[in-house]
PDB file of N, CA and C in Angstrom:
ATOM      1  N   UNK A   1      98.473 113.242 105.799  1.00  0.00           N
ATOM      2  CA  UNK A   1      98.998 112.288 106.840  1.00  0.00           C
ATOM      3  C   UNK A   1      99.729 113.215 107.303  1.00  0.00           C
ATOM      4  N   UNK A   2      99.636 113.424 108.873  1.00  0.00           N
ATOM      5  CA  UNK A   2     100.657 113.919 109.662  1.00  0.00           C
ATOM      6  C   UNK A   2     102.508 113.479 109.480  1.00  0.00           C
ATOM      7  N   UNK A   3     102.774 115.327 109.663  1.00  0.00           N
ATOM      8  CA  UNK A   3     104.337 115.069 108.765  1.00  0.00           C
ATOM      9  C   UNK A   3     105.092 114.004 109.812  1.00  0.00           C
ATOM     10  N   UNK A   4     105.233 113.697 111.210  1.00  0.00           N
ATOM     11  CA  UNK A   4     105.839 112.513 111.324  1.00  0.00           C
ATOM     12  C   UNK A   4     105.386 110.864 110.903  1.00  0.00           C
ATOM     13  N   UNK A   5     104.158 110.701 110.977  1.00  0.00           N
ATOM     14  CA  UNK A   5     103.451 109.985 109.840  1.00  0.00           C
ATOM     15  C   UNK A   5     104.714 109.437 108.652  1.00  0.00           C
ATOM     16  N   UNK A   6     104.167 110.468 107.601  1.00  0.00           N
ATOM     17  CA  UNK A   6     104.678 110.696 106.650  1.00  0.00           C
ATOM     18  C   UNK A   6     106.314 110.559 106.383  1.00  0.00           C
ATOM     19  N   UNK A   7     107.185 111.317 107.328  1.00  0.00           N
ATOM     20  CA  UNK A   7     108.224 111.159 107.751  1.00  0.00           C
ATOM     21  C   UNK A   7     109.000 109.402 107.767  1.00  0.00           C
ATOM     22  N   UNK A   8     107.934 109.111 108.664  1.00  0.00           N
ATOM     23  CA  UNK A   8     108.519 107.626 109.149  1.00  0.00           C
ATOM     24  C   UNK A   8     108.209 106.586 107.556  1.00  0.00           C
ATOM     25  N   UNK A   9     107.278 107.063 107.249  1.00  0.00           N
ATOM     26  CA  UNK A   9     107.273 106.338 105.851  1.00  0.00           C
ATOM     27  C   UNK A   9     108.140 106.432 104.995  1.00  0.00           C
ATOM     28  N   UNK A  10     108.511 107.617 104.721  1.00  0.00           N
ATOM     29  CA  UNK A  10     109.604 107.873 103.715  1.00  0.00           C
ATOM     30  C   UNK A  10     110.819 107.357 104.072  1.00  0.00           C
ATOM     31  N   UNK A  11     111.134 107.297 105.527  1.00  0.00           N
ATOM     32  CA  UNK A  11     112.639 106.442 105.882  1.00  0.00           C
ATOM     33  C   UNK A  11     112.268 104.508 105.880  1.00  0.00           C
ATOM     34  N   UNK A  12     111.068 104.170 106.070  1.00  0.00           N
ATOM     35  CA  UNK A  12     110.689 102.845 105.772  1.00  0.00           C
ATOM     36  C   UNK A  12     110.998 102.478 104.090  1.00  0.00           C
ATOM     37  N   UNK A  13     110.322 103.185 103.247  1.00  0.00           N
ATOM     38  CA  UNK A  13     110.580 103.029 101.923  1.00  0.00           C
ATOM     39  C   UNK A  13     111.625 103.168 101.156  1.00  0.00           C
ATOM     40  N   UNK A  14     112.434 104.249 101.794  1.00  0.00           N
ATOM     41  CA  UNK A  14     113.502 104.282 101.359  1.00  0.00           C
ATOM     42  C   UNK A  14     115.248 103.643 102.082  1.00  0.00           C
ATOM     43  N   UNK A  15     114.850 103.110 103.179  1.00  0.00           N
ATOM     44  CA  UNK A  15     116.289 102.766 103.712  1.00  0.00           C
ATOM     45  C   UNK A  15     116.361 101.485 103.861  1.00  0.00           C
ATOM     46  N   UNK A  16     115.764 100.465 102.900  1.00  0.00           N
ATOM     47  CA  UNK A  16     116.028  99.149 102.768  1.00  0.00           C
ATOM     48  C   UNK A  16     115.746  98.295 104.412  1.00  0.00           C
ATOM     49  N   UNK A  17     116.536  97.069 104.236  1.00  0.00           N
ATOM     50  CA  UNK A  17     116.377  95.956 105.316  1.00  0.00           C
ATOM     51  C   UNK A  17     116.475  96.283 106.662  1.00  0.00           C
ATOM     52  N   UNK A  18     117.324  97.466 106.808  1.00  0.00           N
ATOM     53  CA  UNK A  18     117.512  98.259 108.105  1.00  0.00           C
ATOM     54  C   UNK A  18     116.198  98.661 109.170  1.00  0.00           C
ATOM     55  N   UNK A  19     115.311  98.890 108.343  1.00  0.00           N
ATOM     56  CA  UNK A  19     114.211  99.617 108.763  1.00  0.00           C
ATOM     57  C   UNK A  19     112.926  98.490 109.150  1.00  0.00           C
ATOM     58  N   UNK A  20     112.149  98.987 110.017  1.00  0.00           N
ATOM     59  CA  UNK A  20     111.262  98.356 110.093  1.00  0.00           C
ATOM     60  C   UNK A  20     109.730  99.235 111.269  1.00  0.00           C
ATOM     61  N   UNK A  21     108.715  98.888 111.071  1.00  0.00           N
ATOM     62  CA  UNK A  21     107.926  99.673 112.340  1.00  0.00           C
ATOM     63  C   UNK A  21     106.258  99.978 111.806  1.00  0.00           C
ATOM     64  N   UNK A  22     105.707 100.551 112.520  1.00  0.00           N
ATOM     65  CA  UNK A  22     103.837 100.462 112.097  1.00  0.00           C
ATOM     66  C   UNK A  22     103.496 101.946 112.435  1.00  0.00           C
ATOM     67  N   UNK A  23     102.847 102.683 112.751  1.00  0.00           N
ATOM     68  CA  UNK A  23     102.277 104.022 113.100  1.00  0.00           C
ATOM     69  C   UNK A  23     102.603 104.296 114.341  1.00  0.00           C
ATOM     70  N   UNK A  24     103.214 105.982 114.169  1.00  0.00           N
ATOM     71  CA  UNK A  24     103.467 106.778 114.995  1.00  0.00           C
ATOM     72  C   UNK A  24     104.354 106.383 116.004  1.00  0.00           C
ATOM     73  N   UNK A  25     104.291 106.013 117.246  1.00  0.00           N
ATOM     74  CA  UNK A  25     105.266 105.229 118.443  1.00  0.00           C
ATOM     75  C   UNK A  25     105.958 104.014 117.967  1.00  0.00           C
ATOM     76  N   UNK A  26     105.159 103.312 117.592  1.00  0.00           N
ATOM     77  CA  UNK A  26     105.669 101.755 116.769  1.00  0.00           C
ATOM     78  C   UNK A  26     106.750 102.020 115.867  1.00  0.00           C
ATOM     79  N   UNK A  27     106.635 102.950 114.990  1.00  0.00           N
ATOM     80  CA  UNK A  27     107.557 103.194 114.065  1.00  0.00           C
ATOM     81  C   UNK A  27     109.029 103.451 114.172  1.00  0.00           C
ATOM     82  N   UNK A  28     109.694 102.942 113.635  1.00  0.00           N
ATOM     83  CA  UNK A  28     111.255 103.171 113.817  1.00  0.00           C
ATOM     84  C   UNK A  28     111.921 102.774 112.712  1.00  0.00           C
ATOM     85  N   UNK A  29     112.446 104.027 112.023  1.00  0.00           N
ATOM     86  CA  UNK A  29     113.033 103.647 110.856  1.00  0.00           C
ATOM     87  C   UNK A  29     114.516 102.808 110.802  1.00  0.00           C
ATOM     88  N   UNK A  30     114.529 103.162 112.154  1.00  0.00           N
ATOM     89  CA  UNK A  30     116.395 102.648 112.840  1.00  0.00           C
ATOM     90  C   UNK A  30     116.166 101.522 113.860  1.00  0.00           C
ATOM     91  N   UNK A  31     115.351 100.758 113.693  1.00  0.00           N
ATOM     92  CA  UNK A  31     115.006  99.565 114.440  1.00  0.00           C
ATOM     93  C   UNK A  31     115.679  98.748 113.753  1.00  0.00           C
ATOM     94  N   UNK A  32     116.930  98.063 114.531  1.00  0.00           N
ATOM     95  CA  UNK A  32     118.096  96.944 113.716  1.00  0.00           C
ATOM     96  C   UNK A  32     117.037  95.815 114.394  1.00  0.00           C
ATOM     97  N   UNK A  33     117.975  94.706 113.958  1.00  0.00           N
ATOM     98  CA  UNK A  33     117.727  93.537 114.097  1.00  0.00           C
ATOM     99  C   UNK A  33     118.244  92.730 115.374  1.00  0.00           C
ATOM    100  N   UNK A  34     117.941  92.443 116.043  1.00  0.00           N
ATOM    101  CA  UNK A  34     118.455  91.027 117.485  1.00  0.00           C
ATOM    102  C   UNK A  34     119.143  92.498 118.149  1.00  0.00           C
ATOM    103  N   UNK A  35     118.110  93.655 118.149  1.00  0.00           N
ATOM    104  CA  UNK A  35     118.678  94.569 119.415  1.00  0.00           C
ATOM    105  C   UNK A  35     119.064  95.586 118.765  1.00  0.00           C
ATOM    106  N   UNK A  36     120.080  95.899 117.767  1.00  0.00           N
ATOM    107  CA  UNK A  36     120.366  97.052 117.136  1.00  0.00           C
ATOM    108  C   UNK A  36     119.752  97.906 117.584  1.00  0.00           C
ATOM    109  N   UNK A  37     120.525  99.187 117.783  1.00  0.00           N
ATOM    110  CA  UNK A  37     120.565 100.682 118.290  1.00  0.00           C
ATOM    111  C   UNK A  37     119.350 101.539 117.202  1.00  0.00           C
ATOM    112  N   UNK A  38     118.439 102.046 117.963  1.00  0.00           N
ATOM    113  CA  UNK A  38     117.375 102.326 116.684  1.00  0.00           C
ATOM    114  C   UNK A  38     116.618 104.040 117.345  1.00  0.00           C
ATOM    115  N   UNK A  39     115.654 104.752 116.905  1.00  0.00           N
ATOM    116  CA  UNK A  39     115.741 106.110 117.362  1.00  0.00           C
ATOM    117  C   UNK A  39     114.786 105.598 118.425  1.00  0.00           C
ATOM    118  N   UNK A  40     114.595 106.445 119.490  1.00  0.00           N
ATOM    119  CA  UNK A  40     113.753 106.638 120.094  1.00  0.00           C
ATOM    120  C   UNK A  40     112.607 107.405 120.271  1.00  0.00           C
ATOM    121  N   UNK A  41     111.113 107.457 120.645  1.00  0.00           N
ATOM    122  CA  UNK A  41     110.192 108.577 120.327  1.00  0.00           C
ATOM    123  C   UNK A  41     110.669 109.790 120.141  1.00  0.00           C
ATOM    124  N   UNK A  42     111.831 110.435 121.337  1.00  0.00           N
ATOM    125  CA  UNK A  42     112.047 111.399 121.962  1.00  0.00           C
ATOM    126  C   UNK A  42     112.884 111.934 120.572  1.00  0.00           C
ATOM    127  N   UNK A  43     113.665 110.929 120.051  1.00  0.00           N
ATOM    128  CA  UNK A  43     114.620 111.389 118.665  1.00  0.00           C
ATOM    129  C   UNK A  43     113.589 112.031 117.437  1.00  0.00           C
ATOM    130  N   UNK A  44     112.680 111.347 117.371  1.00  0.00           N
ATOM    131  CA  UNK A  44     111.693 111.664 116.225  1.00  0.00           C
ATOM    132  C   UNK A  44     110.918 112.466 116.616  1.00  0.00           C
ATOM    133  N   UNK A  45     110.567 113.349 117.754  1.00  0.00           N
ATOM    134  CA  UNK A  45     110.109 114.239 117.915  1.00  0.00           C
ATOM    135  C   UNK A  45     110.719 115.371 117.645  1.00  0.00           C
ATOM    136  N   UNK A  46     112.103 115.342 117.642  1.00  0.00           N
ATOM    137  CA  UNK A  46     113.685 116.528 117.560  1.00  0.00           C
ATOM    138  C   UNK A  46     113.557 116.678 116.262  1.00  0.00           C
ATOM    139  N   UNK A  47     113.454 115.216 115.088  1.00  0.00           N
ATOM    140  CA  UNK A  47     113.928 115.223 114.174  1.00  0.00           C
ATOM    141  C   UNK A  47     112.881 115.839 113.291  1.00  0.00           C
ATOM    142  N   UNK A  48     111.755 115.494 113.973  1.00  0.00           N
ATOM    143  CA  UNK A  48     110.071 116.000 113.249  1.00  0.00           C
ATOM    144  C   UNK A  48     110.354 117.567 113.390  1.00  0.00           C
ATOM    145  N   UNK A  49     110.986 118.028 114.540  1.00  0.00           N
ATOM    146  CA  UNK A  49     110.869 119.422 114.589  1.00  0.00           C
ATOM    147  C   UNK A  49     111.539 120.228 113.656  1.00  0.00           C
ATOM    148  N   UNK A  50     112.740 119.650 113.484  1.00  0.00           N
ATOM    149  CA  UNK A  50     113.700 120.098 112.826  1.00  0.00           C
ATOM    150  C   UNK A  50     113.355 120.302 111.673  1.00  0.00           C
ATOM    151  N   UNK A  51     112.577 118.995 110.576  1.00  0.00           N
ATOM    152  CA  UNK A  51     111.891 119.210 109.219  1.00  0.00           C
ATOM    153  C   UNK A  51     110.603 120.260 108.923  1.00  0.00           C
ATOM    154  N   UNK A  52     110.312 120.389 110.479  1.00  0.00           N
ATOM    155  CA  UNK A  52     108.672 120.998 110.560  1.00  0.00           C
ATOM    156  C   UNK A  52     109.245 122.864 109.910  1.00  0.00           C
ATOM    157  N   UNK A  53     110.711 122.935 110.610  1.00  0.00           N
ATOM    158  CA  UNK A  53     111.238 124.734 110.610  1.00  0.00           C
ATOM    159  C   UNK A  53     111.535 124.608 109.339  1.00  0.00           C
ATOM    160  N   UNK A  54     112.370 123.956 108.458  1.00  0.00           N
ATOM    161  CA  UNK A  54     112.320 124.141 107.343  1.00  0.00           C
ATOM    162  C   UNK A  54     111.232 123.951 106.261  1.00  0.00           C
ATOM    163  N   UNK A  55     109.726 123.438 106.878  1.00  0.00           N
ATOM    164  CA  UNK A  55     109.104 122.872 105.810  1.00  0.00           C
ATOM    165  C   UNK A  55     107.668 124.997 105.955  1.00  0.00           C
ATOM    166  N   UNK A  56     107.845 125.099 107.229  1.00  0.00           N
ATOM    167  CA  UNK A  56     107.223 126.531 107.583  1.00  0.00           C
ATOM    168  C   UNK A  56     107.919 127.692 107.305  1.00  0.00           C
ATOM    169  N   UNK A  57     109.399 127.597 107.157  1.00  0.00           N
ATOM    170  CA  UNK A  57     109.973 129.191 106.311  1.00  0.00           C
ATOM    171  C   UNK A  57     109.072 129.095 105.083  1.00  0.00           C
ATOM    172  N   UNK A  58     109.389 130.523 104.772  1.00  0.00           N
ATOM    173  CA  UNK A  58     108.935 131.060 103.497  1.00  0.00           C
ATOM    174  C   UNK A  58     109.732 130.871 102.228  1.00  0.00           C
ATOM    175  N   UNK A  59     110.613 130.940 102.888  1.00  0.00           N
ATOM    176  CA  UNK A  59     111.764 131.008 101.433  1.00  0.00           C
ATOM    177  C   UNK A  59     113.063 129.936 102.036  1.00  0.00           C
ATOM    178  N   UNK A  60     113.259 128.919 102.689  1.00  0.00           N
ATOM    179  CA  UNK A  60     114.334 129.001 103.014  1.00  0.00           C
ATOM    180  C   UNK A  60     115.839 129.082 101.741  1.00  0.00           C
ATOM    181  N   UNK A  61     116.502 129.405 102.561  1.00  0.00           N
ATOM    182  CA  UNK A  61     117.934 128.618 101.318  1.00  0.00           C
ATOM    183  C   UNK A  61     118.432 127.589 101.012  1.00  0.00           C
ATOM    184  N   UNK A  62     118.828 127.248  99.849  1.00  0.00           N
ATOM    185  CA  UNK A  62     119.669 125.906  99.552  1.00  0.00           C
ATOM    186  C   UNK A  62     120.712 125.653 101.089  1.00  0.00           C
ATOM    187  N   UNK A  63     120.886 124.634 101.361  1.00  0.00           N
ATOM    188  CA  UNK A  63     121.517 124.519 102.523  1.00  0.00           C
ATOM    189  C   UNK A  63     121.202 124.982 103.753  1.00  0.00           C
ATOM    190  N   UNK A  64     120.281 125.636 104.295  1.00  0.00           N
ATOM    191  CA  UNK A  64     119.779 125.831 105.492  1.00  0.00           C
ATOM    192  C   UNK A  64     119.212 124.455 106.112  1.00  0.00           C
ATOM    193  N   UNK A  65     120.291 124.083 107.247  1.00  0.00           N
ATOM    194  CA  UNK A  65     120.547 123.246 108.169  1.00  0.00           C
ATOM    195  C   UNK A  65     119.663 123.514 109.645  1.00  0.00           C
ATOM    196  N   UNK A  66     118.874 122.508 110.263  1.00  0.00           N
ATOM    197  CA  UNK A  66     118.308 122.242 111.257  1.00  0.00           C
ATOM    198  C   UNK A  66     119.275 121.076 111.846  1.00  0.00           C
ATOM    199  N   UNK A  67     119.544 121.537 113.239  1.00  0.00           N
ATOM    200  CA  UNK A  67     120.285 120.444 113.820  1.00  0.00           C
ATOM    201  C   UNK A  67     119.792 120.216 115.197  1.00  0.00           C
ATOM    202  N   UNK A  68     119.784 118.944 115.189  1.00  0.00           N
ATOM    203  CA  UNK A  68     119.201 118.220 116.576  1.00  0.00           C
ATOM    204  C   UNK A  68     120.091 117.390 117.427  1.00  0.00           C
ATOM    205  N   UNK A  69     119.928 117.148 118.733  1.00  0.00           N
ATOM    206  CA  UNK A  69     120.517 116.459 119.007  1.00  0.00           C
ATOM    207  C   UNK A  69     119.749 116.483 120.906  1.00  0.00           C
ATOM    208  N   UNK A  70     119.912 114.789 120.881  1.00  0.00           N
ATOM    209  CA  UNK A  70     119.186 114.069 122.388  1.00  0.00           C
ATOM    210  C   UNK A  70     120.039 113.795 123.186  1.00  0.00           C
ATOM    211  N   UNK A  71     120.574 114.419 124.221  1.00  0.00           N
ATOM    212  CA  UNK A  71     121.049 114.370 125.099  1.00  0.00           C
ATOM    213  C   UNK A  71     120.736 112.977 125.891  1.00  0.00           C
ATOM    214  N   UNK A  72     119.611 112.779 126.207  1.00  0.00           N
ATOM    215  CA  UNK A  72     119.347 111.492 127.086  1.00  0.00           C
ATOM    216  C   UNK A  72     119.566 110.219 126.030  1.00  0.00           C
ATOM    217  N   UNK A  73     119.645 110.090 124.810  1.00  0.00           N
ATOM    218  CA  UNK A  73     119.607 109.094 123.903  1.00  0.00           C
ATOM    219  C   UNK A  73     121.024 109.385 123.139  1.00  0.00           C
ATOM    220  N   UNK A  74     121.717 110.011 123.339  1.00  0.00           N
ATOM    221  CA  UNK A  74     123.050 109.936 121.905  1.00  0.00           C
ATOM    222  C   UNK A  74     122.718 110.134 120.766  1.00  0.00           C
ATOM    223  N   UNK A  75     121.781 110.227 120.605  1.00  0.00           N
ATOM    224  CA  UNK A  75     121.352 110.210 118.711  1.00  0.00           C
ATOM    225  C   UNK A  75     121.026 111.750 118.689  1.00  0.00           C
ATOM    226  N   UNK A  76     121.684 111.992 117.090  1.00  0.00           N
ATOM    227  CA  UNK A  76     121.591 113.438 116.710  1.00  0.00           C
ATOM    228  C   UNK A  76     121.701 113.594 115.495  1.00  0.00           C
ATOM    229  N   UNK A  77     121.258 114.433 115.035  1.00  0.00           N
ATOM    230  CA  UNK A  77     121.922 114.557 113.410  1.00  0.00           C
ATOM    231  C   UNK A  77     121.344 115.973 112.528  1.00  0.00           C
ATOM    232  N   UNK A  78     121.059 116.144 111.459  1.00  0.00           N
ATOM    233  CA  UNK A  78     120.678 116.833 110.728  1.00  0.00           C
ATOM    234  C   UNK A  78     119.465 117.039 109.645  1.00  0.00           C
ATOM    235  N   UNK A  79     118.694 118.066 109.874  1.00  0.00           N
ATOM    236  CA  UNK A  79     117.926 117.901 108.609  1.00  0.00           C
ATOM    237  C   UNK A  79     118.277 119.417 107.287  1.00  0.00           C
ATOM    238  N   UNK A  80     118.122 118.989 106.213  1.00  0.00           N
ATOM    239  CA  UNK A  80     119.072 119.899 105.473  1.00  0.00           C
ATOM    240  C   UNK A  80     118.030 120.452 104.114  1.00  0.00           C
ATOM    241  N   UNK A  81     117.696 121.843 104.199  1.00  0.00           N
ATOM    242  CA  UNK A  81     116.798 121.875 102.644  1.00  0.00           C
ATOM    243  C   UNK A  81     117.723 122.012 101.404  1.00  0.00           C
ATOM    244  N   UNK A  82     117.742 121.072 100.802  1.00  0.00           N
ATOM    245  CA  UNK A  82     118.503 121.011  99.297  1.00  0.00           C
ATOM    246  C   UNK A  82     117.552 121.913  98.372  1.00  0.00           C
ATOM    247  N   UNK A  83     116.844 122.168  97.933  1.00  0.00           N
ATOM    248  CA  UNK A  83     116.043 122.816  97.076  1.00  0.00           C
ATOM    249  C   UNK A  83     114.710 122.592  96.634  1.00  0.00           C
ATOM    250  N   UNK A  84     114.203 123.323  95.867  1.00  0.00           N
ATOM    251  CA  UNK A  84     112.884 123.432  95.701  1.00  0.00           C
ATOM    252  C   UNK A  84     112.445 122.197  94.484  1.00  0.00           C
ATOM    253  N   UNK A  85     111.528 121.605  94.127  1.00  0.00           N
ATOM    254  CA  UNK A  85     111.151 120.949  93.201  1.00  0.00           C
ATOM    255  C   UNK A  85     109.905 121.255  92.663  1.00  0.00           C
ATOM    256  N   UNK A  86     109.172 120.490  91.893  1.00  0.00           N
ATOM    257  CA  UNK A  86     107.672 120.168  91.544  1.00  0.00           C
ATOM    258  C   UNK A  86     107.168 118.846  91.144  1.00  0.00           C
ATOM    259  N   UNK A  87     106.235 119.224  91.367  1.00  0.00           N
ATOM    260  CA  UNK A  87     105.669 117.529  91.347  1.00  0.00           C
ATOM    261  C   UNK A  87     104.614 117.634  90.616  1.00  0.00           C
ATOM    262  N   UNK A  88     103.955 117.181  90.056  1.00  0.00           N
ATOM    263  CA  UNK A  88     102.538 117.072  89.213  1.00  0.00           C
ATOM    264  C   UNK A  88     101.660 115.804  89.410  1.00  0.00           C
ATOM    265  N   UNK A  89     100.523 115.687  90.219  1.00  0.00           N
ATOM    266  CA  UNK A  89      99.845 114.616  90.466  1.00  0.00           C
ATOM    267  C   UNK A  89      98.758 114.698  89.765  1.00  0.00           C
ATOM    268  N   UNK A  90      98.276 113.732  88.409  1.00  0.00           N
ATOM    269  CA  UNK A  90      96.670 113.867  88.376  1.00  0.00           C
ATOM    270  C   UNK A  90      96.400 115.412  87.809  1.00  0.00           C
ATOM    271  N   UNK A  91      97.885 115.771  87.274  1.00  0.00           N
ATOM    272  CA  UNK A  91      97.522 117.053  86.649  1.00  0.00           C
ATOM    273  C   UNK A  91      97.489 118.447  87.206  1.00  0.00           C
ATOM    274  N   UNK A  92      97.802 118.399  88.422  1.00  0.00           N
ATOM    275  CA  UNK A  92      97.830 119.431  89.529  1.00  0.00           C
ATOM    276  C   UNK A  92      99.282 119.241  89.664  1.00  0.00           C
ATOM    277  N   UNK A  93      99.992 120.552  89.896  1.00  0.00           N
ATOM    278  CA  UNK A  93     101.296 120.785  90.039  1.00  0.00           C
ATOM    279  C   UNK A  93     101.272 121.055  91.330  1.00  0.00           C
ATOM    280  N   UNK A  94     102.268 120.861  92.075  1.00  0.00           N
ATOM    281  CA  UNK A  94     102.824 121.057  93.562  1.00  0.00           C
ATOM    282  C   UNK A  94     104.313 121.600  93.613  1.00  0.00           C
ATOM    283  N   UNK A  95     104.186 122.691  94.488  1.00  0.00           N
ATOM    284  CA  UNK A  95     105.552 122.988  94.992  1.00  0.00           C
ATOM    285  C   UNK A  95     105.940 122.225  95.927  1.00  0.00           C
ATOM    286  N   UNK A  96     107.018 121.291  95.679  1.00  0.00           N
ATOM    287  CA  UNK A  96     107.904 120.766  96.697  1.00  0.00           C
ATOM    288  C   UNK A  96     109.385 121.094  97.182  1.00  0.00           C
ATOM    289  N   UNK A  97     109.833 120.765  98.455  1.00  0.00           N
ATOM    290  CA  UNK A  97     110.777 120.979  98.910  1.00  0.00           C
ATOM    291  C   UNK A  97     111.385 119.563  99.092  1.00  0.00           C
ATOM    292  N   UNK A  98     112.780 119.597  98.574  1.00  0.00           N
ATOM    293  CA  UNK A  98     113.801 118.676  99.065  1.00  0.00           C
ATOM    294  C   UNK A  98     114.476 118.337 100.001  1.00  0.00           C
ATOM    295  N   UNK A  99     114.478 117.872 101.176  1.00  0.00           N
ATOM    296  CA  UNK A  99     114.915 117.477 102.125  1.00  0.00           C
ATOM    297  C   UNK A  99     116.221 116.605 102.175  1.00  0.00           C
ATOM    298  N   UNK A 100     117.460 116.764 103.000  1.00  0.00           N
ATOM    299  CA  UNK A 100     117.994 115.625 103.728  1.00  0.00           C
ATOM    300  C   UNK A 100     118.284 115.044 105.089  1.00  0.00           C
ATOM    301  N   UNK A 101     117.923 114.011 105.091  1.00  0.00           N
ATOM    302  CA  UNK A 101     117.776 113.992 106.773  1.00  0.00           C
ATOM    303  C   UNK A 101     119.201 113.176 106.629  1.00  0.00           C
ATOM    304  N   UNK A 102     119.777 113.799 108.143  1.00  0.00           N
ATOM    305  CA  UNK A 102     121.246 112.609 108.404  1.00  0.00           C
ATOM    306  C   UNK A 102     120.687 112.457 109.974  1.00  0.00           C
ATOM    307  N   UNK A 103     121.107 110.935 110.396  1.00  0.00           N
ATOM    308  CA  UNK A 103     121.005 110.972 111.594  1.00  0.00           C
ATOM    309  C   UNK A 103     121.749 109.895 111.986  1.00  0.00           C
ATOM    310  N   UNK A 104     122.381 110.238 113.509  1.00  0.00           N
ATOM    311  CA  UNK A 104     123.723 109.375 113.965  1.00  0.00           C
ATOM    312  C   UNK A 104     123.056 108.562 115.126  1.00  0.00           C
ATOM    313  N   UNK A 105     123.327 107.614 115.559  1.00  0.00           N
ATOM    314  CA  UNK A 105     122.854 106.879 116.706  1.00  0.00           C
ATOM    315  C   UNK A 105     124.255 106.883 118.032  1.00  0.00           C
ATOM    316  N   UNK A 106     123.718 106.720 119.302  1.00  0.00           N
ATOM    317  CA  UNK A 106     124.923 106.145 120.024  1.00  0.00           C
ATOM    318  C   UNK A 106     125.343 104.913 119.627  1.00  0.00           C
ATOM    319  N   UNK A 107     125.172 104.305 119.775  1.00  0.00           N
ATOM    320  CA  UNK A 107     125.738 102.778 119.696  1.00  0.00           C
ATOM    321  C   UNK A 107     125.994 102.393 117.711  1.00  0.00           C
ATOM    322  N   UNK A 108     126.042 103.759 116.885  1.00  0.00           N
ATOM    323  CA  UNK A 108     125.888 103.022 115.602  1.00  0.00           C
ATOM    324  C   UNK A 108     126.727 104.447 115.180  1.00  0.00           C
ATOM    325  N   UNK A 109     127.964 104.353 115.273  1.00  0.00           N
ATOM    326  CA  UNK A 109     128.656 106.060 114.401  1.00  0.00           C
ATOM    327  C   UNK A 109     128.782 106.221 113.153  1.00  0.00           C
ATOM    328  N   UNK A 110     128.410 104.999 112.325  1.00  0.00           N
ATOM    329  CA  UNK A 110     127.909 105.502 110.811  1.00  0.00           C
ATOM    330  C   UNK A 110     126.919 106.022 110.838  1.00  0.00           C
ATOM    331  N   UNK A 111     126.823 107.548 110.325  1.00  0.00           N
ATOM    332  CA  UNK A 111     125.540 107.942 109.736  1.00  0.00           C
ATOM    333  C   UNK A 111     124.367 107.204 109.232  1.00  0.00           C
ATOM    334  N   UNK A 112     123.111 107.787 108.890  1.00  0.00           N
ATOM    335  CA  UNK A 112     122.300 106.767 108.223  1.00  0.00           C
ATOM    336  C   UNK A 112     121.372 108.506 107.317  1.00  0.00           C
ATOM    337  N   UNK A 113     121.116 107.939 106.134  1.00  0.00           N
ATOM    338  CA  UNK A 113     121.135 109.464 105.583  1.00  0.00           C
ATOM    339  C   UNK A 113     119.630 108.813 104.548  1.00  0.00           C
ATOM    340  N   UNK A 114     118.967 110.156 104.021  1.00  0.00           N
ATOM    341  CA  UNK A 114     117.859 110.530 102.983  1.00  0.00           C
ATOM    342  C   UNK A 114     117.498 111.100 102.989  1.00  0.00           C
ATOM    343  N   UNK A 115     117.239 111.083 101.475  1.00  0.00           N
ATOM    344  CA  UNK A 115     116.605 112.368 101.036  1.00  0.00           C
ATOM    345  C   UNK A 115     115.105 112.132 100.488  1.00  0.00           C
ATOM    346  N   UNK A 116     114.207 113.182 100.502  1.00  0.00           N
ATOM    347  CA  UNK A 116     112.823 113.194 100.685  1.00  0.00           C
ATOM    348  C   UNK A 116     112.363 114.434 100.242  1.00  0.00           C
ATOM    349  N   UNK A 117     111.149 114.304  99.135  1.00  0.00           N
ATOM    350  CA  UNK A 117     110.547 115.522  98.696  1.00  0.00           C
ATOM    351  C   UNK A 117     109.209 115.527  99.169  1.00  0.00           C
ATOM    352  N   UNK A 118     109.328 116.836  99.660  1.00  0.00           N
ATOM    353  CA  UNK A 118     107.506 117.193 100.528  1.00  0.00           C
ATOM    354  C   UNK A 118     106.801 118.025  99.829  1.00  0.00           C
ATOM    355  N   UNK A 119     105.669 117.987  99.713  1.00  0.00           N
ATOM    356  CA  UNK A 119     104.759 118.569  98.880  1.00  0.00           C
ATOM    357  C   UNK A 119     103.913 119.448  98.972  1.00  0.00           C
ATOM    358  N   UNK A 120     103.826 120.623  99.345  1.00  0.00           N
ATOM    359  CA  UNK A 120     103.064 121.688  99.929  1.00  0.00           C
ATOM    360  C   UNK A 120     101.265 121.538  99.128  1.00  0.00           C
ATOM    361  N   UNK A 121     100.626 120.859  99.931  1.00  0.00           N
ATOM    362  CA  UNK A 121      99.148 120.858  99.510  1.00  0.00           C
ATOM    363  C   UNK A 121      98.416 122.241  99.467  1.00  0.00           C
ATOM    364  N   UNK A 122      97.217 122.566  98.679  1.00  0.00           N
ATOM    365  CA  UNK A 122      96.326 123.634  98.733  1.00  0.00           C
ATOM    366  C   UNK A 122      95.884 123.877  99.852  1.00  0.00           C
ATOM    367  N   UNK A 123      95.806 123.131 101.108  1.00  0.00           N
ATOM    368  CA  UNK A 123      94.953 123.363 102.585  1.00  0.00           C
ATOM    369  C   UNK A 123      96.249 123.598 103.732  1.00  0.00           C
ATOM    370  N   UNK A 124      97.491 123.610 102.371  1.00  0.00           N
ATOM    371  CA  UNK A 124      98.520 124.146 103.352  1.00  0.00           C
ATOM    372  C   UNK A 124      99.519 123.262 104.086  1.00  0.00           C
ATOM    373  N   UNK A 125      98.908 121.906 103.992  1.00  0.00           N
ATOM    374  CA  UNK A 125      99.967 120.868 104.489  1.00  0.00           C
ATOM    375  C   UNK A 125     100.859 120.385 103.821  1.00  0.00           C
ATOM    376  N   UNK A 126     101.993 119.814 104.665  1.00  0.00           N
ATOM    377  CA  UNK A 126     102.789 118.883 103.483  1.00  0.00           C
ATOM    378  C   UNK A 126     102.573 117.405 103.549  1.00  0.00           C
ATOM    379  N   UNK A 127     102.924 117.282 102.323  1.00  0.00           N
ATOM    380  CA  UNK A 127     102.879 115.838 102.013  1.00  0.00           C
ATOM    381  C   UNK A 127     104.207 114.937 101.690  1.00  0.00           C
ATOM    382  N   UNK A 128     104.376 114.097 101.849  1.00  0.00           N
ATOM    383  CA  UNK A 128     105.792 113.048 101.754  1.00  0.00           C
ATOM    384  C   UNK A 128     105.338 112.804  99.940  1.00  0.00           C
ATOM    385  N   UNK A 129     106.332 113.307  99.080  1.00  0.00           N
ATOM    386  CA  UNK A 129     106.252 112.569  97.971  1.00  0.00           C
ATOM    387  C   UNK A 129     107.148 111.776  97.361  1.00  0.00           C
TER     388      UNK A 129
END
């Protein structure tokens, strides 16, 4: 599952009734009701780039944080590495990383946050767990 799609899936599963969406450009974890503010595709691309940096770093320090800001939309936020974790799925143990996402939208001053675990698969990809 591509990182971008998996990230959206995490937001959709964990952020409750505020969220709605479908695949890639149509998925928007901050799509509000009745025209409320939401993340633009360009915001999601920046969020994804920030998360990727923490996932490809061979040994990030807990607390390492990537900051993103989209001047075109006024949205911004952070992605922080919380630390390692391990998951066992069907007898196979995976090394995982816990990330915390914080997003602030231009017309919604209260930040929204989400914690998610990404597990490193044998083929080198990262999967949301």
